[in-house]
Every structure is written in C-alpha cells, then in structure tokens.
Amino acid sequence: LLLQSAKHIVSVRQDIQFAIIGEGTS
C-alpha cells in the first residue's frame, strides 16, 4: 500500500524520496 501510494505521488511530483528500513519475508 505504501508503494502504491508512492506511485500516486510520483505521478504528480518527483521531488520525494522514500526510505524503507527493515527486513522480513516479503
């Protein structure tokens, strides 16, 4: 859901970077 939200943001603007910290099975 975060990635899909990021996709929506990038379709509007390209000045935001996302940092995802952590590990897991996915």
PDB file of all heavy atoms in Angstrom:
ATOM      1  N   LEU A   1       0.829  -1.206   0.000  1.00  0.00           N
ATOM      2  CA  LEU A   1       0.000   0.000   0.000  1.00  0.00           C
ATOM      3  C   LEU A   1       0.867   1.261   0.000  1.00  0.00           C
ATOM      4  O   LEU A   1       0.524   2.254  -0.651  1.00  0.00           O
ATOM      5  CB  LEU A   1      -0.930   0.012   1.207  1.00  0.00           C
ATOM      6  CG  LEU A   1      -1.944  -1.137   1.309  1.00  0.00           C
ATOM      7  CD1 LEU A   1      -2.856  -0.930   2.511  1.00  0.00           C
ATOM      8  CD2 LEU A   1      -2.760  -1.266   0.030  1.00  0.00           C
ATOM      9  N   LEU A   2       1.991   1.213   0.718  1.00  0.00           N
ATOM     10  CA  LEU A   2       2.911   2.346   0.707  1.00  0.00           C
ATOM     11  C   LEU A   2       3.492   2.552  -0.687  1.00  0.00           C
ATOM     12  O   LEU A   2       3.586   3.686  -1.171  1.00  0.00           O
ATOM     13  CB  LEU A   2       4.028   2.118   1.730  1.00  0.00           C
ATOM     14  CG  LEU A   2       5.146   3.166   1.744  1.00  0.00           C
ATOM     15  CD1 LEU A   2       4.586   4.556   2.030  1.00  0.00           C
ATOM     16  CD2 LEU A   2       6.216   2.787   2.772  1.00  0.00           C
ATOM     17  N   LEU A   3       3.871   1.462  -1.341  1.00  0.00           N
ATOM     18  CA  LEU A   3       4.432   1.571  -2.688  1.00  0.00           C
ATOM     19  C   LEU A   3       3.399   2.104  -3.679  1.00  0.00           C
ATOM     20  O   LEU A   3       3.727   2.929  -4.553  1.00  0.00           O
ATOM     21  CB  LEU A   3       4.963   0.213  -3.144  1.00  0.00           C
ATOM     22  CG  LEU A   3       6.134  -0.361  -2.329  1.00  0.00           C
ATOM     23  CD1 LEU A   3       6.527  -1.729  -2.876  1.00  0.00           C
ATOM     24  CD2 LEU A   3       7.329   0.583  -2.331  1.00  0.00           C
ATOM     25  N   GLN A   4       2.169   1.646  -3.556  1.00  0.00           N
ATOM     26  CA  GLN A   4       1.129   2.156  -4.448  1.00  0.00           C
ATOM     27  C   GLN A   4       0.840   3.633  -4.184  1.00  0.00           C
ATOM     28  O   GLN A   4       0.570   4.403  -5.117  1.00  0.00           O
ATOM     29  CB  GLN A   4      -0.130   1.315  -4.289  1.00  0.00           C
ATOM     30  CG  GLN A   4       0.021  -0.109  -4.818  1.00  0.00           C
ATOM     31  CD  GLN A   4      -1.123  -1.008  -4.392  1.00  0.00           C
ATOM     32  OE1 GLN A   4      -2.260  -0.563  -4.271  1.00  0.00           O
ATOM     33  NE2 GLN A   4      -0.829  -2.274  -4.152  1.00  0.00           N
ATOM     34  N   SER A   5       0.931   4.040  -2.915  1.00  0.00           N
ATOM     35  CA  SER A   5       0.789   5.462  -2.596  1.00  0.00           C
ATOM     36  C   SER A   5       1.954   6.262  -3.181  1.00  0.00           C
ATOM     37  O   SER A   5       1.763   7.377  -3.694  1.00  0.00           O
ATOM     38  CB  SER A   5       0.731   5.660  -1.078  1.00  0.00           C
ATOM     39  OG  SER A   5      -0.430   5.072  -0.531  1.00  0.00           O
ATOM     40  N   ALA A   6       3.150   5.693  -3.104  1.00  0.00           N
ATOM     41  CA  ALA A   6       4.320   6.354  -3.705  1.00  0.00           C
ATOM     42  C   ALA A   6       4.145   6.501  -5.208  1.00  0.00           C
ATOM     43  O   ALA A   6       4.523   7.533  -5.791  1.00  0.00           O
ATOM     44  CB  ALA A   6       5.579   5.565  -3.386  1.00  0.00           C
ATOM     45  N   LYS A   7       3.561   5.487  -5.850  1.00  0.00           N
ATOM     46  CA  LYS A   7       3.306   5.562  -7.291  1.00  0.00           C
ATOM     47  C   LYS A   7       2.370   6.732  -7.602  1.00  0.00           C
ATOM     48  O   LYS A   7       2.583   7.468  -8.585  1.00  0.00           O
ATOM     49  CB  LYS A   7       2.692   4.243  -7.763  1.00  0.00           C
ATOM     50  CG  LYS A   7       2.338   4.210  -9.251  1.00  0.00           C
ATOM     51  CD  LYS A   7       3.576   4.283 -10.121  1.00  0.00           C
ATOM     52  CE  LYS A   7       3.226   4.084 -11.593  1.00  0.00           C
ATOM     53  NZ  LYS A   7       4.418   4.209 -12.473  1.00  0.00           N
ATOM     54  N   HIS A   8       1.344   6.902  -6.796  1.00  0.00           N
ATOM     55  CA  HIS A   8       0.418   8.021  -6.993  1.00  0.00           C
ATOM     56  C   HIS A   8       1.150   9.353  -6.823  1.00  0.00           C
ATOM     57  O   HIS A   8       0.935  10.303  -7.603  1.00  0.00           O
ATOM     58  CB  HIS A   8      -0.735   7.932  -6.004  1.00  0.00           C
ATOM     59  CG  HIS A   8      -1.699   9.066  -6.094  1.00  0.00           C
ATOM     60  ND1 HIS A   8      -2.636   9.173  -7.101  1.00  0.00           N
ATOM     61  CD2 HIS A   8      -1.859  10.180  -5.309  1.00  0.00           C
ATOM     62  CE1 HIS A   8      -3.339  10.285  -6.938  1.00  0.00           C
ATOM     63  NE2 HIS A   8      -2.889  10.903  -5.857  1.00  0.00           N
ATOM     64  N   ILE A   9       2.011   9.443  -5.816  1.00  0.00           N
ATOM     65  CA  ILE A   9       2.762  10.679  -5.587  1.00  0.00           C
ATOM     66  C   ILE A   9       3.677  10.987  -6.765  1.00  0.00           C
ATOM     67  O   ILE A   9       3.734  12.123  -7.257  1.00  0.00           O
ATOM     68  CB  ILE A   9       3.573  10.573  -4.271  1.00  0.00           C
ATOM     69  CG1 ILE A   9       2.618  10.579  -3.076  1.00  0.00           C
ATOM     70  CG2 ILE A   9       4.586  11.705  -4.158  1.00  0.00           C
ATOM     71  CD1 ILE A   9       3.294  10.291  -1.739  1.00  0.00           C
ATOM     72  N   VAL A  10       4.385   9.969  -7.256  1.00  0.00           N
ATOM     73  CA  VAL A  10       5.332  10.165  -8.361  1.00  0.00           C
ATOM     74  C   VAL A  10       4.614  10.579  -9.641  1.00  0.00           C
ATOM     75  O   VAL A  10       5.173  11.285 -10.485  1.00  0.00           O
ATOM     76  CB  VAL A  10       6.170   8.882  -8.566  1.00  0.00           C
ATOM     77  CG1 VAL A  10       6.980   8.940  -9.849  1.00  0.00           C
ATOM     78  CG2 VAL A  10       7.092   8.672  -7.361  1.00  0.00           C
ATOM     79  N   SER A  11       3.360  10.177  -9.771  1.00  0.00           N
ATOM     80  CA  SER A  11       2.593  10.602 -10.945  1.00  0.00           C
ATOM     81  C   SER A  11       2.269  12.091 -10.904  1.00  0.00           C
ATOM     82  O   SER A  11       1.926  12.695 -11.936  1.00  0.00           O
ATOM     83  CB  SER A  11       1.293   9.794 -11.045  1.00  0.00           C
ATOM     84  OG  SER A  11       0.371  10.172 -10.030  1.00  0.00           O
ATOM     85  N   VAL A  12       2.400  12.681  -9.712  1.00  0.00           N
ATOM     86  CA  VAL A  12       2.090  14.099  -9.530  1.00  0.00           C
ATOM     87  C   VAL A  12       3.357  14.946  -9.421  1.00  0.00           C
ATOM     88  O   VAL A  12       3.435  16.059  -9.941  1.00  0.00           O
ATOM     89  CB  VAL A  12       1.220  14.298  -8.271  1.00  0.00           C
ATOM     90  CG1 VAL A  12       0.951  15.772  -8.000  1.00  0.00           C
ATOM     91  CG2 VAL A  12      -0.074  13.520  -8.389  1.00  0.00           C
ATOM     92  N   ARG A  13       4.368  14.399  -8.760  1.00  0.00           N
ATOM     93  CA  ARG A  13       5.600  15.146  -8.486  1.00  0.00           C
ATOM     94  C   ARG A  13       6.762  14.159  -8.331  1.00  0.00           C
ATOM     95  O   ARG A  13       6.564  13.000  -7.987  1.00  0.00           O
ATOM     96  CB  ARG A  13       5.434  15.983  -7.220  1.00  0.00           C
ATOM     97  CG  ARG A  13       5.090  15.145  -6.002  1.00  0.00           C
ATOM     98  CD  ARG A  13       4.542  15.971  -4.859  1.00  0.00           C
ATOM     99  NE  ARG A  13       5.524  16.874  -4.307  1.00  0.00           N
ATOM    100  CZ  ARG A  13       5.243  17.796  -3.370  1.00  0.00           C
ATOM    101  NH1 ARG A  13       3.989  17.921  -2.911  1.00  0.00           N
ATOM    102  NH2 ARG A  13       6.168  18.583  -2.896  1.00  0.00           N
ATOM    103  N   GLN A  14       7.988  14.639  -8.544  1.00  0.00           N
ATOM    104  CA  GLN A  14       9.157  13.775  -8.478  1.00  0.00           C
ATOM    105  C   GLN A  14      10.214  14.294  -7.496  1.00  0.00           C
ATOM    106  O   GLN A  14      11.406  14.031  -7.660  1.00  0.00           O
ATOM    107  CB  GLN A  14       9.792  13.623  -9.869  1.00  0.00           C
ATOM    108  CG  GLN A  14       8.977  12.798 -10.861  1.00  0.00           C
ATOM    109  CD  GLN A  14       7.826  13.586 -11.465  1.00  0.00           C
ATOM    110  OE1 GLN A  14       8.015  14.715 -11.919  1.00  0.00           O
ATOM    111  NE2 GLN A  14       6.635  13.003 -11.461  1.00  0.00           N
ATOM    112  N   ASP A  15       9.794  15.017  -6.478  1.00  0.00           N
ATOM    113  CA  ASP A  15      10.756  15.613  -5.549  1.00  0.00           C
ATOM    114  C   ASP A  15      10.789  14.919  -4.197  1.00  0.00           C
ATOM    115  O   ASP A  15      11.339  15.450  -3.230  1.00  0.00           O
ATOM    116  CB  ASP A  15      10.463  17.108  -5.358  1.00  0.00           C
ATOM    117  CG  ASP A  15       9.048  17.384  -4.815  1.00  0.00           C
ATOM    118  OD1 ASP A  15       8.221  16.444  -4.820  1.00  0.00           O
ATOM    119  OD2 ASP A  15       8.777  18.530  -4.405  1.00  0.00           O
ATOM    120  N   ILE A  16      10.190  13.716  -4.104  1.00  0.00           N
ATOM    121  CA  ILE A  16      10.124  12.995  -2.820  1.00  0.00           C
ATOM    122  C   ILE A  16      10.798  11.635  -2.952  1.00  0.00           C
ATOM    123  O   ILE A  16      10.502  10.872  -3.873  1.00  0.00           O
ATOM    124  CB  ILE A  16       8.667  12.811  -2.357  1.00  0.00           C
ATOM    125  CG1 ILE A  16       7.970  14.175  -2.204  1.00  0.00           C
ATOM    126  CG2 ILE A  16       8.622  12.048  -1.027  1.00  0.00           C
ATOM    127  CD1 ILE A  16       6.491  14.076  -1.858  1.00  0.00           C
ATOM    128  N   GLN A  17      11.707  11.340  -2.036  1.00  0.00           N
ATOM    129  CA  GLN A  17      12.365  10.039  -1.952  1.00  0.00           C
ATOM    130  C   GLN A  17      11.778   9.263  -0.772  1.00  0.00           C
ATOM    131  O   GLN A  17      11.358   9.859   0.227  1.00  0.00           O
ATOM    132  CB  GLN A  17      13.879  10.215  -1.756  1.00  0.00           C
ATOM    133  CG  GLN A  17      14.703   8.944  -1.852  1.00  0.00           C
ATOM    134  CD  GLN A  17      14.828   8.411  -3.260  1.00  0.00           C
ATOM    135  OE1 GLN A  17      14.473   9.095  -4.216  1.00  0.00           O
ATOM    136  NE2 GLN A  17      15.337   7.204  -3.403  1.00  0.00           N
ATOM    137  N   PHE A  18      11.759   7.926  -0.876  1.00  0.00           N
ATOM    138  CA  PHE A  18      11.227   7.063   0.180  1.00  0.00           C
ATOM    139  C   PHE A  18      12.340   6.160   0.706  1.00  0.00           C
ATOM    140  O   PHE A  18      13.038   5.505  -0.090  1.00  0.00           O
ATOM    141  CB  PHE A  18      10.074   6.210  -0.340  1.00  0.00           C
ATOM    142  CG  PHE A  18       8.840   6.995  -0.692  1.00  0.00           C
ATOM    143  CD1 PHE A  18       8.762   7.696  -1.892  1.00  0.00           C
ATOM    144  CD2 PHE A  18       7.763   7.052   0.176  1.00  0.00           C
ATOM    145  CE1 PHE A  18       7.625   8.422  -2.224  1.00  0.00           C
ATOM    146  CE2 PHE A  18       6.620   7.783  -0.142  1.00  0.00           C
ATOM    147  CZ  PHE A  18       6.553   8.474  -1.343  1.00  0.00           C
ATOM    148  N   ALA A  19      12.497   6.121   2.016  1.00  0.00           N
ATOM    149  CA  ALA A  19      13.480   5.251   2.667  1.00  0.00           C
ATOM    150  C   ALA A  19      12.742   4.200   3.476  1.00  0.00           C
ATOM    151  O   ALA A  19      11.989   4.542   4.400  1.00  0.00           O
ATOM    152  CB  ALA A  19      14.401   6.068   3.568  1.00  0.00           C
ATOM    153  N   ILE A  20      12.939   2.920   3.133  1.00  0.00           N
ATOM    154  CA  ILE A  20      12.274   1.811   3.820  1.00  0.00           C
ATOM    155  C   ILE A  20      13.329   0.993   4.558  1.00  0.00           C
ATOM    156  O   ILE A  20      14.230   0.418   3.935  1.00  0.00           O
ATOM    157  CB  ILE A  20      11.492   0.935   2.825  1.00  0.00           C
ATOM    158  CG1 ILE A  20      10.392   1.778   2.144  1.00  0.00           C
ATOM    159  CG2 ILE A  20      10.888  -0.275   3.533  1.00  0.00           C
ATOM    160  CD1 ILE A  20       9.605   1.032   1.090  1.00  0.00           C
ATOM    161  N   ILE A  21      13.218   0.952   5.874  1.00  0.00           N
ATOM    162  CA  ILE A  21      14.193   0.271   6.728  1.00  0.00           C
ATOM    163  C   ILE A  21      13.555  -0.969   7.326  1.00  0.00           C
ATOM    164  O   ILE A  21      12.469  -0.889   7.907  1.00  0.00           O
ATOM    165  CB  ILE A  21      14.665   1.201   7.864  1.00  0.00           C
ATOM    166  CG1 ILE A  21      15.200   2.517   7.306  1.00  0.00           C
ATOM    167  CG2 ILE A  21      15.719   0.512   8.724  1.00  0.00           C
ATOM    168  CD1 ILE A  21      15.407   3.586   8.376  1.00  0.00           C
ATOM    169  N   GLY A  22      14.214  -2.111   7.194  1.00  0.00           N
ATOM    170  CA  GLY A  22      13.707  -3.328   7.809  1.00  0.00           C
ATOM    171  C   GLY A  22      13.815  -4.521   6.886  1.00  0.00           C
ATOM    172  O   GLY A  22      14.086  -4.380   5.684  1.00  0.00           O
ATOM    173  N   GLU A  23      13.613  -5.684   7.478  1.00  0.00           N
ATOM    174  CA  GLU A  23      13.639  -6.945   6.735  1.00  0.00           C
ATOM    175  C   GLU A  23      12.388  -7.736   7.057  1.00  0.00           C
ATOM    176  O   GLU A  23      11.653  -7.419   7.989  1.00  0.00           O
ATOM    177  CB  GLU A  23      14.883  -7.764   7.088  1.00  0.00           C
ATOM    178  CG  GLU A  23      16.166  -7.194   6.538  1.00  0.00           C
ATOM    179  CD  GLU A  23      17.347  -8.124   6.766  1.00  0.00           C
ATOM    180  OE1 GLU A  23      17.212  -9.070   7.588  1.00  0.00           O
ATOM    181  OE2 GLU A  23      18.398  -7.914   6.161  1.00  0.00           O
ATOM    182  N   GLY A  24      12.159  -8.784   6.290  1.00  0.00           N
ATOM    183  CA  GLY A  24      11.020  -9.658   6.528  1.00  0.00           C
ATOM    184  C   GLY A  24      10.791 -10.558   5.338  1.00  0.00           C
ATOM    185  O   GLY A  24      11.469 -10.464   4.304  1.00  0.00           O
ATOM    186  N   THR A  25       9.812 -11.443   5.475  1.00  0.00           N
ATOM    187  CA  THR A  25       9.568 -12.462   4.452  1.00  0.00           C
ATOM    188  C   THR A  25       9.094 -11.874   3.128  1.00  0.00           C
ATOM    189  O   THR A  25       9.169 -12.534   2.099  1.00  0.00           O
ATOM    190  CB  THR A  25       8.522 -13.471   4.958  1.00  0.00           C
ATOM    191  OG1 THR A  25       7.341 -12.764   5.375  1.00  0.00           O
ATOM    192  CG2 THR A  25       9.070 -14.261   6.136  1.00  0.00           C
ATOM    193  N   SER A  26       8.599 -10.636   3.134  1.00  0.00           N
ATOM    194  CA  SER A  26       8.090 -10.025   1.900  1.00  0.00           C
ATOM    195  C   SER A  26       9.058  -9.028   1.275  1.00  0.00           C
ATOM    196  O   SER A  26       8.696  -8.328   0.329  1.00  0.00           O
ATOM    197  CB  SER A  26       6.755  -9.324   2.177  1.00  0.00           C
ATOM    198  OG  SER A  26       5.760 -10.250   2.539  1.00  0.00           O
TER     199      SER A  26
END
